[in-house]
Amino acid sequence: MDLMQGLLLITSIHLLAAASPGPDFVLVSQQTLSNGKQTGFMVSIGIALGLSVHIIYSALGLAAVIANSTTALWAIKIIGGGYLIYLGVQGLSAKPVSNLDPIGKASEQKVLKKHTHLSAIAKGFLCNALNPKAPIYFVALFTVVLSPNLPLLHLVIYGIWMMILQLLWFSTVVVLLSRPSVNEKFQRLGHWIDRVLGGAMILIGLKVLLSKIN
């Protein structure tokens, strides 16, 4: 399989994987609806950067080692599941915004003071990097779907392309959720959105913790 064929195959597979409901999608949705477009974009950047962790250990040939190590997967599962639950608890503790606060730019600027770009990027990065299913996904993608003898350069190109796809997908989600027609409906119920999506994040975290290691 040549490089271009591999890129086309990865595009179809990875877009489907990125679009499937999961912790990354829940986090981007929650942060965008609650904290605004800029925060949503920063979380999306963090998620894309989180992929670099999986790409690096795949390039070093460690993906198969991690995927076949019960101890390593257990450790990632506990840390990753715990972090998702932590994010969920933060969402559940959300409080209503005062009615005196104007809706729109002033509200978003106020929120941005509490949620810095760096912390938003860190949330997205950790959410993706600590996904215990990722090693298995990358082993399947780079060895079964493509080739177990991929040239390192091709693997790096594929990895960078996957990061770009991830960023484009979640940026699209952010733009859609930030549209005035959508945002105005959710703005007044922001704390309830936080709580509902926080509960969803806790359920995902519990599912990760309780899932069996195969």
Foldseek 3Di string as FASTA:
>chain_A
DDLVVLLVVLLVVLLVVLPDDDLLLLLLLLCCLQQHLLLSLLLLLLLLVLLVLLLVCVLVVCLVVLLPDPVNLLVLLLVLLVLLLVQLVVLQPFDFDDPVQDPDDSRNVVSCVVVPSVNSSNSSNSNNNSPSCSSVVVCCSPPVVPHPPDDSVSSVVSSNSSSVSSSVVSSVVSVVCNPPVNSVVSNRVSSVSSNVSSVVSNVSSVCSNPDDRD
